[in-house]
Amino acid sequence: MNGERVRLIGVERMAGSNPEFGMAEPSQWITRDHDDLKDLNCIFTRVHWAQDKRVLDYCDRHGILVQTEVPAGVGTVLEA
């Protein structure tokens, strides 16, 4: 990253995995969940869909690199 080697240590976080909240995660849960990542010395997380701005803001403030999927529209047709 920026010309330097980086050892990416992290986990995949699944938003909506708490059955109490589903995808309507309150800010306190997002912070608690990501504080756990920091406690585990994670500097990387991978996600499968667009993330709440609060998640991206937390990661930006705390030095966690986020890998997201490339968005593709439903029914997108790729031509050769």
PDB file of N, CA and C in Angstrom:
ATOM      1  N   MET A   1       0.843  -1.157   0.000  1.00  0.00           N
ATOM      2  CA  MET A   1       0.000   0.000   0.000  1.00  0.00           C
ATOM      3  C   MET A   1       0.895   1.229   0.000  1.00  0.00           C
ATOM      4  N   ASN A   2       0.630   2.110  -0.911  1.00  0.00           N
ATOM      5  CA  ASN A   2       1.458   3.313  -1.050  1.00  0.00           C
ATOM      6  C   ASN A   2       2.933   2.961  -1.180  1.00  0.00           C
ATOM      7  N   GLY A   3       3.222   1.887  -1.940  1.00  0.00           N
ATOM      8  CA  GLY A   3       4.602   1.481  -2.177  1.00  0.00           C
ATOM      9  C   GLY A   3       5.206   0.612  -1.090  1.00  0.00           C
ATOM     10  N   GLU A   4       4.469   0.321  -0.046  1.00  0.00           N
ATOM     11  CA  GLU A   4       4.968  -0.498   1.062  1.00  0.00           C
ATOM     12  C   GLU A   4       4.217  -1.825   1.116  1.00  0.00           C
ATOM     13  N   ARG A   5       4.933  -2.884   1.506  1.00  0.00           N
ATOM     14  CA  ARG A   5       4.266  -4.165   1.712  1.00  0.00           C
ATOM     15  C   ARG A   5       3.413  -4.099   2.973  1.00  0.00           C
ATOM     16  N   VAL A   6       2.254  -4.724   2.887  1.00  0.00           N
ATOM     17  CA  VAL A   6       1.338  -4.747   4.018  1.00  0.00           C
ATOM     18  C   VAL A   6       0.853  -6.180   4.207  1.00  0.00           C
ATOM     19  N   ARG A   7       0.898  -6.660   5.416  1.00  0.00           N
ATOM     20  CA  ARG A   7       0.359  -7.982   5.729  1.00  0.00           C
ATOM     21  C   ARG A   7      -1.088  -7.792   6.175  1.00  0.00           C
ATOM     22  N   LEU A   8      -1.999  -8.283   5.346  1.00  0.00           N
ATOM     23  CA  LEU A   8      -3.418  -8.084   5.622  1.00  0.00           C
ATOM     24  C   LEU A   8      -3.932  -9.182   6.540  1.00  0.00           C
ATOM     25  N   ILE A   9      -4.251  -8.792   7.754  1.00  0.00           N
ATOM     26  CA  ILE A   9      -4.775  -9.717   8.751  1.00  0.00           C
ATOM     27  C   ILE A   9      -6.190  -9.258   9.069  1.00  0.00           C
ATOM     28  N   GLY A  10      -7.153 -10.132   8.830  1.00  0.00           N
ATOM     29  CA  GLY A  10      -8.511  -9.699   9.086  1.00  0.00           C
ATOM     30  C   GLY A  10      -9.521 -10.805   8.957  1.00  0.00           C
ATOM     31  N   VAL A  11     -10.756 -10.398   8.942  1.00  0.00           N
ATOM     32  CA  VAL A  11     -11.887 -11.315   8.874  1.00  0.00           C
ATOM     33  C   VAL A  11     -12.941 -10.722   7.953  1.00  0.00           C
ATOM     34  N   GLU A  12     -13.859 -11.572   7.562  1.00  0.00           N
ATOM     35  CA  GLU A  12     -15.018 -11.088   6.818  1.00  0.00           C
ATOM     36  C   GLU A  12     -16.121 -10.796   7.819  1.00  0.00           C
ATOM     37  N   ARG A  13     -16.662  -9.600   7.746  1.00  0.00           N
ATOM     38  CA  ARG A  13     -17.756  -9.224   8.640  1.00  0.00           C
ATOM     39  C   ARG A  13     -19.060  -9.264   7.852  1.00  0.00           C
ATOM     40  N   MET A  14     -20.037  -9.921   8.411  1.00  0.00           N
ATOM     41  CA  MET A  14     -21.338 -10.029   7.748  1.00  0.00           C
ATOM     42  C   MET A  14     -22.337  -9.114   8.439  1.00  0.00           C
ATOM     43  N   ALA A  15     -22.594  -7.991   7.812  1.00  0.00           N
ATOM     44  CA  ALA A  15     -23.632  -7.101   8.349  1.00  0.00           C
ATOM     45  C   ALA A  15     -24.952  -7.859   8.374  1.00  0.00           C
ATOM     46  N   GLY A  16     -25.758  -7.603   9.386  1.00  0.00           N
ATOM     47  CA  GLY A  16     -27.054  -8.252   9.490  1.00  0.00           C
ATOM     48  C   GLY A  16     -27.017  -9.612  10.147  1.00  0.00           C
ATOM     49  N   SER A  17     -25.852 -10.021  10.656  1.00  0.00           N
ATOM     50  CA  SER A  17     -25.755 -11.360  11.237  1.00  0.00           C
ATOM     51  C   SER A  17     -26.331 -11.462  12.644  1.00  0.00           C
ATOM     52  N   ASN A  18     -26.581 -10.336  13.285  1.00  0.00           N
ATOM     53  CA  ASN A  18     -27.205 -10.368  14.610  1.00  0.00           C
ATOM     54  C   ASN A  18     -28.716 -10.483  14.416  1.00  0.00           C
ATOM     55  N   PRO A  19     -29.325 -11.595  14.857  1.00  0.00           N
ATOM     56  CA  PRO A  19     -30.761 -11.790  14.624  1.00  0.00           C
ATOM     57  C   PRO A  19     -31.649 -10.761  15.318  1.00  0.00           C
ATOM     58  N   GLU A  20     -31.109 -10.086  16.320  1.00  0.00           N
ATOM     59  CA  GLU A  20     -31.894  -9.064  17.018  1.00  0.00           C
ATOM     60  C   GLU A  20     -32.100  -7.820  16.148  1.00  0.00           C
ATOM     61  N   PHE A  21     -31.104  -7.502  15.288  1.00  0.00           N
ATOM     62  CA  PHE A  21     -31.147  -6.267  14.496  1.00  0.00           C
ATOM     63  C   PHE A  21     -31.319  -6.504  13.003  1.00  0.00           C
ATOM     64  N   GLY A  22     -30.832  -7.629  12.491  1.00  0.00           N
ATOM     65  CA  GLY A  22     -30.824  -7.824  11.041  1.00  0.00           C
ATOM     66  C   GLY A  22     -30.005  -6.723  10.380  1.00  0.00           C
ATOM     67  N   MET A  23     -30.468  -6.238   9.248  1.00  0.00           N
ATOM     68  CA  MET A  23     -29.734  -5.196   8.524  1.00  0.00           C
ATOM     69  C   MET A  23     -29.952  -3.804   9.122  1.00  0.00           C
ATOM     70  N   ALA A  24     -30.808  -3.673  10.130  1.00  0.00           N
ATOM     71  CA  ALA A  24     -31.063  -2.383  10.779  1.00  0.00           C
ATOM     72  C   ALA A  24     -30.159  -2.244  11.997  1.00  0.00           C
ATOM     73  N   GLU A  25     -28.861  -2.380  11.789  1.00  0.00           N
ATOM     74  CA  GLU A  25     -27.900  -2.342  12.901  1.00  0.00           C
ATOM     75  C   GLU A  25     -27.798  -0.938  13.498  1.00  0.00           C
ATOM     76  N   PRO A  26     -27.961  -0.829  14.809  1.00  0.00           N
ATOM     77  CA  PRO A  26     -27.769   0.475  15.442  1.00  0.00           C
ATOM     78  C   PRO A  26     -26.281   0.832  15.501  1.00  0.00           C
ATOM     79  N   SER A  27     -26.006   2.103  15.647  1.00  0.00           N
ATOM     80  CA  SER A  27     -24.616   2.579  15.698  1.00  0.00           C
ATOM     81  C   SER A  27     -23.810   1.886  16.784  1.00  0.00           C
ATOM     82  N   GLN A  28     -24.436   1.637  17.934  1.00  0.00           N
ATOM     83  CA  GLN A  28     -23.715   0.997  19.034  1.00  0.00           C
ATOM     84  C   GLN A  28     -23.247  -0.407  18.638  1.00  0.00           C
ATOM     85  N   TRP A  29     -24.062  -1.130  17.881  1.00  0.00           N
ATOM     86  CA  TRP A  29     -23.681  -2.484  17.455  1.00  0.00           C
ATOM     87  C   TRP A  29     -22.539  -2.422  16.442  1.00  0.00           C
ATOM     88  N   ILE A  30     -22.612  -1.493  15.506  1.00  0.00           N
ATOM     89  CA  ILE A  30     -21.548  -1.340  14.507  1.00  0.00           C
ATOM     90  C   ILE A  30     -20.233  -1.030  15.209  1.00  0.00           C
ATOM     91  N   THR A  31     -20.264  -0.107  16.161  1.00  0.00           N
ATOM     92  CA  THR A  31     -19.050   0.255  16.897  1.00  0.00           C
ATOM     93  C   THR A  31     -18.534  -0.932  17.698  1.00  0.00           C
ATOM     94  N   ARG A  32     -19.406  -1.629  18.418  1.00  0.00           N
ATOM     95  CA  ARG A  32     -18.987  -2.780  19.225  1.00  0.00           C
ATOM     96  C   ARG A  32     -18.385  -3.870  18.355  1.00  0.00           C
ATOM     97  N   ASP A  33     -19.040  -4.164  17.251  1.00  0.00           N
ATOM     98  CA  ASP A  33     -18.567  -5.212  16.343  1.00  0.00           C
ATOM     99  C   ASP A  33     -17.185  -4.864  15.777  1.00  0.00           C
ATOM    100  N   HIS A  34     -16.999  -3.622  15.390  1.00  0.00           N
ATOM    101  CA  HIS A  34     -15.706  -3.212  14.820  1.00  0.00           C
ATOM    102  C   HIS A  34     -14.641  -3.014  15.899  1.00  0.00           C
ATOM    103  N   ASP A  35     -15.049  -2.645  17.104  1.00  0.00           N
ATOM    104  CA  ASP A  35     -14.084  -2.619  18.214  1.00  0.00           C
ATOM    105  C   ASP A  35     -13.516  -4.021  18.434  1.00  0.00           C
ATOM    106  N   ASP A  36     -14.376  -5.047  18.290  1.00  0.00           N
ATOM    107  CA  ASP A  36     -13.897  -6.433  18.394  1.00  0.00           C
ATOM    108  C   ASP A  36     -12.844  -6.724  17.331  1.00  0.00           C
ATOM    109  N   LEU A  37     -13.063  -6.243  16.110  1.00  0.00           N
ATOM    110  CA  LEU A  37     -12.064  -6.440  15.047  1.00  0.00           C
ATOM    111  C   LEU A  37     -10.730  -5.813  15.448  1.00  0.00           C
ATOM    112  N   LYS A  38     -10.786  -4.612  15.970  1.00  0.00           N
ATOM    113  CA  LYS A  38      -9.554  -3.936  16.391  1.00  0.00           C
ATOM    114  C   LYS A  38      -8.877  -4.697  17.528  1.00  0.00           C
ATOM    115  N   ASP A  39      -9.665  -5.226  18.466  1.00  0.00           N
ATOM    116  CA  ASP A  39      -9.105  -6.001  19.578  1.00  0.00           C
ATOM    117  C   ASP A  39      -8.406  -7.268  19.076  1.00  0.00           C
ATOM    118  N   LEU A  40      -8.848  -7.779  17.940  1.00  0.00           N
ATOM    119  CA  LEU A  40      -8.226  -8.955  17.321  1.00  0.00           C
ATOM    120  C   LEU A  40      -7.058  -8.586  16.406  1.00  0.00           C
ATOM    121  N   ASN A  41      -6.688  -7.296  16.395  1.00  0.00           N
ATOM    122  CA  ASN A  41      -5.601  -6.770  15.552  1.00  0.00           C
ATOM    123  C   ASN A  41      -5.878  -6.896  14.067  1.00  0.00           C
ATOM    124  N   CYS A  42      -7.152  -6.874  13.693  1.00  0.00           N
ATOM    125  CA  CYS A  42      -7.519  -6.912  12.278  1.00  0.00           C
ATOM    126  C   CYS A  42      -7.280  -5.543  11.652  1.00  0.00           C
ATOM    127  N   ILE A  43      -6.703  -5.551  10.471  1.00  0.00           N
ATOM    128  CA  ILE A  43      -6.534  -4.308   9.717  1.00  0.00           C
ATOM    129  C   ILE A  43      -7.230  -4.408   8.362  1.00  0.00           C
ATOM    130  N   PHE A  44      -7.998  -5.488   8.176  1.00  0.00           N
ATOM    131  CA  PHE A  44      -8.636  -5.758   6.896  1.00  0.00           C
ATOM    132  C   PHE A  44      -9.964  -6.463   7.124  1.00  0.00           C
ATOM    133  N   THR A  45     -10.968  -6.089   6.350  1.00  0.00           N
ATOM    134  CA  THR A  45     -12.230  -6.814   6.361  1.00  0.00           C
ATOM    135  C   THR A  45     -12.770  -6.848   4.943  1.00  0.00           C
ATOM    136  N   ARG A  46     -13.510  -7.881   4.661  1.00  0.00           N
ATOM    137  CA  ARG A  46     -14.086  -8.085   3.336  1.00  0.00           C
ATOM    138  C   ARG A  46     -15.594  -8.151   3.498  1.00  0.00           C
ATOM    139  N   VAL A  47     -16.317  -7.497   2.583  1.00  0.00           N
ATOM    140  CA  VAL A  47     -17.779  -7.450   2.681  1.00  0.00           C
ATOM    141  C   VAL A  47     -18.398  -7.761   1.325  1.00  0.00           C
ATOM    142  N   HIS A  48     -19.652  -8.197   1.349  1.00  0.00           N
ATOM    143  CA  HIS A  48     -20.320  -8.642   0.128  1.00  0.00           C
ATOM    144  C   HIS A  48     -21.303  -7.671  -0.484  1.00  0.00           C
ATOM    145  N   TRP A  49     -21.616  -6.608   0.156  1.00  0.00           N
ATOM    146  CA  TRP A  49     -22.557  -5.653  -0.417  1.00  0.00           C
ATOM    147  C   TRP A  49     -22.231  -4.268   0.107  1.00  0.00           C
ATOM    148  N   ALA A  50     -22.904  -3.283  -0.432  1.00  0.00           N
ATOM    149  CA  ALA A  50     -22.659  -1.904  -0.009  1.00  0.00           C
ATOM    150  C   ALA A  50     -22.836  -1.788   1.494  1.00  0.00           C
ATOM    151  N   GLN A  51     -21.918  -1.085   2.133  1.00  0.00           N
ATOM    152  CA  GLN A  51     -21.931  -0.943   3.587  1.00  0.00           C
ATOM    153  C   GLN A  51     -22.531   0.391   4.001  1.00  0.00           C
ATOM    154  N   ASP A  52     -23.093   0.385   5.184  1.00  0.00           N
ATOM    155  CA  ASP A  52     -23.609   1.602   5.786  1.00  0.00           C
ATOM    156  C   ASP A  52     -22.456   2.595   5.928  1.00  0.00           C
ATOM    157  N   LYS A  53     -22.731   3.866   5.709  1.00  0.00           N
ATOM    158  CA  LYS A  53     -21.695   4.899   5.818  1.00  0.00           C
ATOM    159  C   LYS A  53     -21.021   4.864   7.191  1.00  0.00           C
ATOM    160  N   ARG A  54     -21.756   4.492   8.230  1.00  0.00           N
ATOM    161  CA  ARG A  54     -21.175   4.432   9.573  1.00  0.00           C
ATOM    162  C   ARG A  54     -20.072   3.377   9.650  1.00  0.00           C
ATOM    163  N   VAL A  55     -20.249   2.263   8.935  1.00  0.00           N
ATOM    164  CA  VAL A  55     -19.221   1.218   8.897  1.00  0.00           C
ATOM    165  C   VAL A  55     -17.965   1.750   8.219  1.00  0.00           C
ATOM    166  N   LEU A  56     -18.138   2.365   7.059  1.00  0.00           N
ATOM    167  CA  LEU A  56     -16.988   2.889   6.315  1.00  0.00           C
ATOM    168  C   LEU A  56     -16.291   4.008   7.089  1.00  0.00           C
ATOM    169  N   ASP A  57     -17.057   4.860   7.760  1.00  0.00           N
ATOM    170  CA  ASP A  57     -16.460   5.925   8.573  1.00  0.00           C
ATOM    171  C   ASP A  57     -15.639   5.345   9.721  1.00  0.00           C
ATOM    172  N   TYR A  58     -16.182   4.324  10.402  1.00  0.00           N
ATOM    173  CA  TYR A  58     -15.441   3.689  11.496  1.00  0.00           C
ATOM    174  C   TYR A  58     -14.127   3.123  10.965  1.00  0.00           C
ATOM    175  N   CYS A  59     -14.211   2.379   9.881  1.00  0.00           N
ATOM    176  CA  CYS A  59     -13.006   1.752   9.317  1.00  0.00           C
ATOM    177  C   CYS A  59     -11.982   2.810   8.911  1.00  0.00           C
ATOM    178  N   ASP A  60     -12.440   3.885   8.326  1.00  0.00           N
ATOM    179  CA  ASP A  60     -11.537   4.963   7.921  1.00  0.00           C
ATOM    180  C   ASP A  60     -10.850   5.588   9.139  1.00  0.00           C
ATOM    181  N   ARG A  61     -11.590   5.857  10.179  1.00  0.00           N
ATOM    182  CA  ARG A  61     -11.030   6.471  11.392  1.00  0.00           C
ATOM    183  C   ARG A  61     -10.082   5.548  12.141  1.00  0.00           C
ATOM    184  N   HIS A  62     -10.291   4.214  12.029  1.00  0.00           N
ATOM    185  CA  HIS A  62      -9.519   3.259  12.818  1.00  0.00           C
ATOM    186  C   HIS A  62      -8.526   2.435  12.002  1.00  0.00           C
ATOM    187  N   GLY A  63      -8.303   2.800  10.759  1.00  0.00           N
ATOM    188  CA  GLY A  63      -7.264   2.148   9.954  1.00  0.00           C
ATOM    189  C   GLY A  63      -7.587   0.726   9.528  1.00  0.00           C
ATOM    190  N   ILE A  64      -8.852   0.451   9.228  1.00  0.00           N
ATOM    191  CA  ILE A  64      -9.235  -0.867   8.731  1.00  0.00           C
ATOM    192  C   ILE A  64      -9.507  -0.751   7.233  1.00  0.00           C
ATOM    193  N   LEU A  65      -8.792  -1.537   6.447  1.00  0.00           N
ATOM    194  CA  LEU A  65      -8.981  -1.571   5.003  1.00  0.00           C
ATOM    195  C   LEU A  65     -10.198  -2.433   4.693  1.00  0.00           C
ATOM    196  N   VAL A  66     -11.084  -1.939   3.822  1.00  0.00           N
ATOM    197  CA  VAL A  66     -12.309  -2.656   3.475  1.00  0.00           C
ATOM    198  C   VAL A  66     -12.258  -3.037   2.003  1.00  0.00           C
ATOM    199  N   GLN A  67     -12.449  -4.325   1.727  1.00  0.00           N
ATOM    200  CA  GLN A  67     -12.566  -4.800   0.345  1.00  0.00           C
ATOM    201  C   GLN A  67     -14.042  -5.066   0.092  1.00  0.00           C
ATOM    202  N   THR A  68     -14.600  -4.380  -0.898  1.00  0.00           N
ATOM    203  CA  THR A  68     -16.008  -4.583  -1.231  1.00  0.00           C
ATOM    204  C   THR A  68     -16.118  -5.212  -2.618  1.00  0.00           C
ATOM    205  N   GLU A  69     -17.264  -5.803  -2.880  1.00  0.00           N
ATOM    206  CA  GLU A  69     -17.516  -6.337  -4.206  1.00  0.00           C
ATOM    207  C   GLU A  69     -17.759  -5.204  -5.176  1.00  0.00           C
ATOM    208  N   VAL A  70     -17.473  -5.456  -6.419  1.00  0.00           N
ATOM    209  CA  VAL A  70     -17.787  -4.488  -7.464  1.00  0.00           C
ATOM    210  C   VAL A  70     -19.287  -4.567  -7.700  1.00  0.00           C
ATOM    211  N   PRO A  71     -19.992  -3.433  -7.583  1.00  0.00           N
ATOM    212  CA  PRO A  71     -21.441  -3.498  -7.768  1.00  0.00           C
ATOM    213  C   PRO A  71     -21.800  -3.817  -9.221  1.00  0.00           C
ATOM    214  N   ALA A  72     -22.741  -4.673  -9.383  1.00  0.00           N
ATOM    215  CA  ALA A  72     -23.253  -4.992 -10.722  1.00  0.00           C
ATOM    216  C   ALA A  72     -24.765  -4.946 -10.664  1.00  0.00           C
ATOM    217  N   GLY A  73     -25.354  -4.322 -11.642  1.00  0.00           N
ATOM    218  CA  GLY A  73     -26.804  -4.204 -11.661  1.00  0.00           C
ATOM    219  C   GLY A  73     -27.466  -5.553 -11.919  1.00  0.00           C
ATOM    220  N   VAL A  74     -28.652  -5.701 -11.415  1.00  0.00           N
ATOM    221  CA  VAL A  74     -29.411  -6.928 -11.660  1.00  0.00           C
ATOM    222  C   VAL A  74     -29.745  -6.997 -13.139  1.00  0.00           C
ATOM    223  N   GLY A  75     -29.480  -8.128 -13.727  1.00  0.00           N
ATOM    224  CA  GLY A  75     -29.801  -8.301 -15.144  1.00  0.00           C
ATOM    225  C   GLY A  75     -28.774  -7.677 -16.071  1.00  0.00           C
ATOM    226  N   THR A  76     -27.612  -7.329 -15.554  1.00  0.00           N
ATOM    227  CA  THR A  76     -26.572  -6.738 -16.390  1.00  0.00           C
ATOM    228  C   THR A  76     -26.105  -7.771 -17.408  1.00  0.00           C
ATOM    229  N   VAL A  77     -25.995  -7.354 -18.650  1.00  0.00           N
ATOM    230  CA  VAL A  77     -25.540  -8.240 -19.711  1.00  0.00           C
ATOM    231  C   VAL A  77     -24.159  -7.785 -20.147  1.00  0.00           C
ATOM    232  N   LEU A  78     -23.205  -8.700 -20.139  1.00  0.00           N
ATOM    233  CA  LEU A  78     -21.860  -8.393 -20.587  1.00  0.00           C
ATOM    234  C   LEU A  78     -21.700  -8.916 -22.005  1.00  0.00           C
ATOM    235  N   GLU A  79     -21.240  -8.053 -22.883  1.00  0.00           N
ATOM    236  CA  GLU A  79     -21.034  -8.469 -24.271  1.00  0.00           C
ATOM    237  C   GLU A  79     -19.552  -8.630 -24.538  1.00  0.00           C
ATOM    238  N   ALA A  80     -19.226  -9.636 -25.352  1.00  0.00           N
ATOM    239  CA  ALA A  80     -17.816  -9.877 -25.709  1.00  0.00           C
ATOM    240  C   ALA A  80     -17.395  -8.984 -26.847  1.00  0.00           C
TER     241      ALA A  80
END
